[in-house]
C-alpha atoms as a PDB file:
ATOM      1  CA  PRO A   1      13.088  88.073-122.411  1.00  0.00           C
ATOM      2  CA  SER A   2      14.921  87.135-125.640  1.00  0.00           C
ATOM      3  CA  ASN A   3      14.090  88.954-128.831  1.00  0.00           C
ATOM      4  CA  SER A   4      11.234  86.600-129.552  1.00  0.00           C
ATOM      5  CA  SER A   5       9.700  86.348-126.128  1.00  0.00           C
ATOM      6  CA  ALA A   6       7.994  88.656-123.525  1.00  0.00           C
ATOM      7  CA  ALA A   7       8.192  89.485-119.799  1.00  0.00           C
ATOM      8  CA  ILE A   8       4.413  88.936-119.708  1.00  0.00           C
ATOM      9  CA  SER A   9       2.682  86.717-122.218  1.00  0.00           C
ATOM     10  CA  VAL A  10      -1.155  86.949-122.497  1.00  0.00           C
ATOM     11  CA  ASP A  11      -2.543  83.655-123.859  1.00  0.00           C
ATOM     12  CA  ALA A  12      -6.213  83.950-122.982  1.00  0.00           C
ATOM     13  CA  SER A  13      -9.015  86.362-124.106  1.00  0.00           C
ATOM     14  CA  ASN A  14     -10.646  88.907-121.815  1.00  0.00           C
ATOM     15  CA  VAL A  15      -7.663  89.520-119.567  1.00  0.00           C
ATOM     16  CA  THR A  16      -7.224  92.832-117.714  1.00  0.00           C
ATOM     17  CA  LEU A  17      -3.808  93.808-116.455  1.00  0.00           C
ATOM     18  CA  PHE A  18      -4.058  96.431-113.731  1.00  0.00           C
ATOM     19  CA  MET A  19      -0.602  97.832-113.597  1.00  0.00           C
ATOM     20  CA  GLU A  20      -1.044 101.013-111.522  1.00  0.00           C
ATOM     21  CA  ASN A  21       2.236 101.494-109.443  1.00  0.00           C
ATOM     22  CA  VAL A  22       3.905  98.678-111.411  1.00  0.00           C
ATOM     23  CA  ARG A  23       7.240  99.275-113.237  1.00  0.00           C
ATOM     24  CA  LEU A  24       8.306  96.525-115.739  1.00  0.00           C
ATOM     25  CA  GLU A  25      11.910  96.558-117.006  1.00  0.00           C
ATOM     26  CA  PRO A  26      14.251  93.682-118.140  1.00  0.00           C
ATOM     27  CA  SER A  27      17.603  93.013-116.522  1.00  0.00           C
ATOM     28  CA  ASP A  28      20.598  94.901-117.908  1.00  0.00           C
ATOM     29  CA  ALA A  29      21.741  91.654-119.749  1.00  0.00           C
ATOM     30  CA  ARG A  30      18.426  91.663-121.768  1.00  0.00           C
ATOM     31  CA  LYS A  31      18.000  95.419-122.160  1.00  0.00           C
ATOM     32  CA  PHE A  32      16.127  96.476-125.355  1.00  0.00           C
ATOM     33  CA  GLU A  33      15.328  92.884-126.316  1.00  0.00           C
ATOM     34  CA  GLY A  34      11.920  91.130-126.432  1.00  0.00           C
ATOM     35  CA  TRP A  35       8.540  92.589-125.516  1.00  0.00           C
ATOM     36  CA  GLY A  36       7.167  93.868-122.298  1.00  0.00           C
ATOM     37  CA  VAL A  37       3.659  92.491-122.797  1.00  0.00           C
ATOM     38  CA  ARG A  38       2.795  90.332-125.711  1.00  0.00           C
ATOM     39  CA  ALA A  39      -0.625  88.987-126.699  1.00  0.00           C
ATOM     40  CA  GLN A  40      -1.213  86.785-129.784  1.00  0.00           C
ATOM     41  CA  SER A  41      -4.507  85.620-131.286  1.00  0.00           C
ATOM     42  CA  VAL A  42      -6.664  86.614-128.290  1.00  0.00           C
ATOM     43  CA  ASP A  43      -9.446  89.150-127.920  1.00  0.00           C
ATOM     44  CA  GLY A  44     -10.171  91.876-125.280  1.00  0.00           C
ATOM     45  CA  LEU A  45      -6.842  92.508-123.667  1.00  0.00           C
ATOM     46  CA  LYS A  46      -7.061  95.571-121.369  1.00  0.00           C
ATOM     47  CA  LEU A  47      -3.872  97.109-119.938  1.00  0.00           C
ATOM     48  CA  LEU A  48      -4.501  99.943-117.470  1.00  0.00           C
ATOM     49  CA  GLY A  49      -1.674 102.102-116.126  1.00  0.00           C
ATOM     50  CA  GLY A  50       1.868 101.037-115.302  1.00  0.00           C
ATOM     51  CA  HIS A  51       5.413 101.965-116.603  1.00  0.00           C
ATOM     52  CA  ILE A  52       7.006  99.660-119.174  1.00  0.00           C
ATOM     53  CA  ALA A  53      10.575 100.518-120.290  1.00  0.00           C
ATOM     54  CA  GLY A  54      13.710  98.918-121.739  1.00  0.00           C
ATOM     55  CA  PHE A  55      12.234  96.510-124.247  1.00  0.00           C
ATOM     56  CA  ARG A  56      12.186  96.240-128.085  1.00  0.00           C
ATOM     57  CA  ALA A  57       8.543  97.502-127.592  1.00  0.00           C
ATOM     58  CA  ALA A  58       6.533  97.882-124.410  1.00  0.00           C
ATOM     59  CA  ILE A  59       3.446  96.194-125.799  1.00  0.00           C
ATOM     60  CA  LEU A  60       3.010  93.905-128.890  1.00  0.00           C
ATOM     61  CA  ILE A  61      -0.507  92.802-129.762  1.00  0.00           C
ATOM     62  CA  GLU A  62      -0.919  90.449-132.747  1.00  0.00           C
ATOM     63  CA  ARG A  63      -4.397  89.692-134.071  1.00  0.00           C
ATOM     64  CA  GLY A  64      -7.698  89.883-132.222  1.00  0.00           C
ATOM     65  CA  THR A  65     -10.226  92.511-131.478  1.00  0.00           C
ATOM     66  CA  GLY A  66     -11.463  94.711-128.630  1.00  0.00           C
ATOM     67  CA  HIS A  67      -8.055  95.515-127.118  1.00  0.00           C
ATOM     68  CA  SER A  68      -7.438  98.554-124.928  1.00  0.00           C
ATOM     69  CA  VAL A  69      -4.265 100.156-123.618  1.00  0.00           C
ATOM     70  CA  SER A  70      -4.714 103.190-121.437  1.00  0.00           C
ATOM     71  CA  SER A  71      -3.032 105.644-119.010  1.00  0.00           C
ATOM     72  CA  ALA A  72       0.371 103.923-119.242  1.00  0.00           C
ATOM     73  CA  VAL A  73       3.907 105.284-119.573  1.00  0.00           C
ATOM     74  CA  LEU A  74       5.529 103.205-122.357  1.00  0.00           C
ATOM     75  CA  SER A  75       8.658 105.176-122.887  1.00  0.00           C
ATOM     76  CA  HIS A  76      12.460 104.598-123.077  1.00  0.00           C
ATOM     77  CA  ASN A  77      12.264 101.495-125.155  1.00  0.00           C
ATOM     78  CA  ARG A  78      14.573 100.520-127.985  1.00  0.00           C
ATOM     79  CA  LEU A  79      16.184 103.408-129.906  1.00  0.00           C
ATOM     80  CA  ARG A  80      18.202 103.073-133.063  1.00  0.00           C
ATOM     81  CA  GLY A  81      20.749 105.760-132.800  1.00  0.00           C
ATOM     82  CA  VAL A  82      21.636 108.187-135.591  1.00  0.00           C
ATOM     83  CA  THR A  83      24.565 106.982-137.677  1.00  0.00           C
ATOM     84  CA  GLY A  84      25.091 109.981-139.988  1.00  0.00           C
ATOM     85  CA  THR A  85      24.323 107.733-143.052  1.00  0.00           C
ATOM     86  CA  PRO A  86      21.437 107.680-145.621  1.00  0.00           C
ATOM     87  CA  GLY A  87      19.990 104.789-143.400  1.00  0.00           C
ATOM     88  CA  ASP A  88      19.052 107.454-140.751  1.00  0.00           C
ATOM     89  CA  PHE A  89      16.020 108.402-142.995  1.00  0.00           C
ATOM     90  CA  LEU A  90      13.179 106.126-141.733  1.00  0.00           C
ATOM     91  CA  SER A  91      10.826 105.186-144.482  1.00  0.00           C
ATOM     92  CA  VAL A  92       7.530 103.577-143.563  1.00  0.00           C
ATOM     93  CA  TRP A  93       7.335 100.013-144.792  1.00  0.00           C
ATOM     94  CA  PRO A  94       3.930  98.369-145.214  1.00  0.00           C
ATOM     95  CA  GLU A  95       4.943  95.263-143.162  1.00  0.00           C
ATOM     96  CA  PHE A  96       6.048  94.985-139.510  1.00  0.00           C
ATOM     97  CA  ASP A  97       8.762  92.431-140.621  1.00  0.00           C
ATOM     98  CA  GLY A  98      10.334  95.121-142.896  1.00  0.00           C
ATOM     99  CA  GLN A  99      10.605  97.563-139.972  1.00  0.00           C
ATOM    100  CA  LEU A 100      11.989  94.906-137.654  1.00  0.00           C
ATOM    101  CA  ALA A 101      14.566  93.975-140.276  1.00  0.00           C
ATOM    102  CA  VAL A 102      15.977  97.523-140.552  1.00  0.00           C
ATOM    103  CA  ASP A 103      15.800  97.973-136.763  1.00  0.00           C
ATOM    104  CA  SER A 104      13.123 100.577-136.903  1.00  0.00           C
ATOM    105  CA  ILE A 105      10.931  98.958-134.162  1.00  0.00           C
ATOM    106  CA  GLY A 106      11.393 100.383-130.674  1.00  0.00           C
ATOM    107  CA  ASP A 107       7.770 101.426-129.843  1.00  0.00           C
ATOM    108  CA  GLY A 108       5.474 101.958-126.965  1.00  0.00           C
ATOM    109  CA  VAL A 109       2.628  99.963-128.583  1.00  0.00           C
ATOM    110  CA  VAL A 110       2.703  97.770-131.686  1.00  0.00           C
ATOM    111  CA  LEU A 111      -0.546  96.517-133.114  1.00  0.00           C
ATOM    112  CA  ILE A 112      -0.578  93.996-135.833  1.00  0.00           C
ATOM    113  CA  ASN A 113      -3.833  92.855-137.569  1.00  0.00           C
ATOM    114  CA  VAL A 114      -6.080  93.956-134.643  1.00  0.00           C
ATOM    115  CA  SER A 115      -9.508  95.524-134.999  1.00  0.00           C
ATOM    116  CA  ASP A 116     -11.911  97.567-132.864  1.00  0.00           C
ATOM    117  CA  SER A 117      -9.188  98.540-130.425  1.00  0.00           C
ATOM    118  CA  ALA A 118      -7.950 101.669-128.670  1.00  0.00           C
ATOM    119  CA  VAL A 119      -4.715 103.278-127.298  1.00  0.00           C
ATOM    120  CA  ARG A 120      -5.687 106.163-124.958  1.00  0.00           C
ATOM    121  CA  ASN A 121      -3.892 108.652-122.767  1.00  0.00           C
ATOM    122  CA  CYS A 122      -0.452 106.993-122.887  1.00  0.00           C
ATOM    123  CA  SER A 123       2.989 108.494-122.885  1.00  0.00           C
ATOM    124  CA  MET A 124       5.301 106.996-125.455  1.00  0.00           C
ATOM    125  CA  THR A 125       8.546 109.027-125.695  1.00  0.00           C
ATOM    126  CA  HIS A 126      12.362 108.766-125.960  1.00  0.00           C
ATOM    127  CA  GLN A 127      12.511 105.693-128.137  1.00  0.00           C
ATOM    128  CA  GLN A 128      12.291 104.828-131.899  1.00  0.00           C
ATOM    129  CA  ASN A 129       8.554 105.384-132.425  1.00  0.00           C
ATOM    130  CA  GLY A 130       5.419 105.934-130.344  1.00  0.00           C
ATOM    131  CA  ILE A 131       2.711 103.667-131.729  1.00  0.00           C
ATOM    132  CA  GLY A 132       2.992 101.255-134.732  1.00  0.00           C
ATOM    133  CA  CYS A 133      -0.254  99.944-136.548  1.00  0.00           C
ATOM    134  CA  PHE A 134       0.090  97.371-139.219  1.00  0.00           C
ATOM    135  CA  GLY A 135      -2.934  95.815-141.057  1.00  0.00           C
ATOM    136  CA  CYS A 136      -5.381  97.119-138.488  1.00  0.00           C
ATOM    137  CA  THR A 137      -8.980  98.267-138.750  1.00  0.00           C
ATOM    138  CA  ASN A 138     -10.994 100.645-136.545  1.00  0.00           C
ATOM    139  CA  VAL A 139      -8.232 101.524-133.990  1.00  0.00           C
ATOM    140  CA  GLN A 140      -8.719 104.670-131.938  1.00  0.00           C
ATOM    141  CA  ILE A 141      -5.539 106.616-131.016  1.00  0.00           C
ATOM    142  CA  VAL A 142      -6.654 109.329-128.561  1.00  0.00           C
ATOM    143  CA  GLY A 143      -4.882 111.674-126.201  1.00  0.00           C
ATOM    144  CA  ASN A 144      -1.423 110.068-126.351  1.00  0.00           C
ATOM    145  CA  ASN A 145       1.986 111.876-126.055  1.00  0.00           C
ATOM    146  CA  CYS A 146       4.299 110.398-128.761  1.00  0.00           C
ATOM    147  CA  SER A 147       6.865 113.285-128.833  1.00  0.00           C
ATOM    148  CA  ASN A 148      10.548 113.211-128.584  1.00  0.00           C
ATOM    149  CA  ASN A 149      11.135 109.999-130.504  1.00  0.00           C
ATOM    150  CA  GLU A 150      13.893 109.264-132.959  1.00  0.00           C
ATOM    151  CA  GLY A 151      11.586 108.062-135.645  1.00  0.00           C
ATOM    152  CA  TRP A 152       7.829 108.588-135.816  1.00  0.00           C
ATOM    153  CA  GLY A 153       5.210 109.400-133.333  1.00  0.00           C
ATOM    154  CA  TYR A 154       2.696 107.186-135.106  1.00  0.00           C
ATOM    155  CA  VAL A 155       3.408 104.760-137.931  1.00  0.00           C
ATOM    156  CA  SER A 156       0.299 103.535-139.612  1.00  0.00           C
ATOM    157  CA  GLN A 157      -0.207 100.845-142.246  1.00  0.00           C
ATOM    158  CA  CYS A 158      -3.787 100.328-141.176  1.00  0.00           C
ATOM    159  CA  LEU A 159      -6.707  99.672-143.500  1.00  0.00           C
ATOM    160  CA  GLN A 160      -8.955 102.308-141.829  1.00  0.00           C
END
């Protein structure tokens, strides 16, 4: 995908992606661009298992309620390397667009304005951040490994 598109785009509510034994990666020409899985303005996306690597972020969910991401490996996505300048210190901006503008998005999961959702038992390592939540309410983050990232394990600008 390009920077604005996804390898898998979910355009309907109540979709379940069973990704056990599935590995999703872009071609070398598109490495670290776009999104592995993207859902916009739908409810009830469930992603179970799988390995998603090599994108801007493995999963981007914008708006909706009742989403669940579980038991997936969402590692080795975009990483903004250390430059040895003051820009290496990663502040946490309240908006997703601000993080994107300074190239601080390279996550396993990004949630924007979602509610009543969960990210459970996933591994999100060796990238910029593990999980990013922006403007979300009632999101459960349970049992995840978000270690060995360049930035943050969990970035939250959530309301609750």
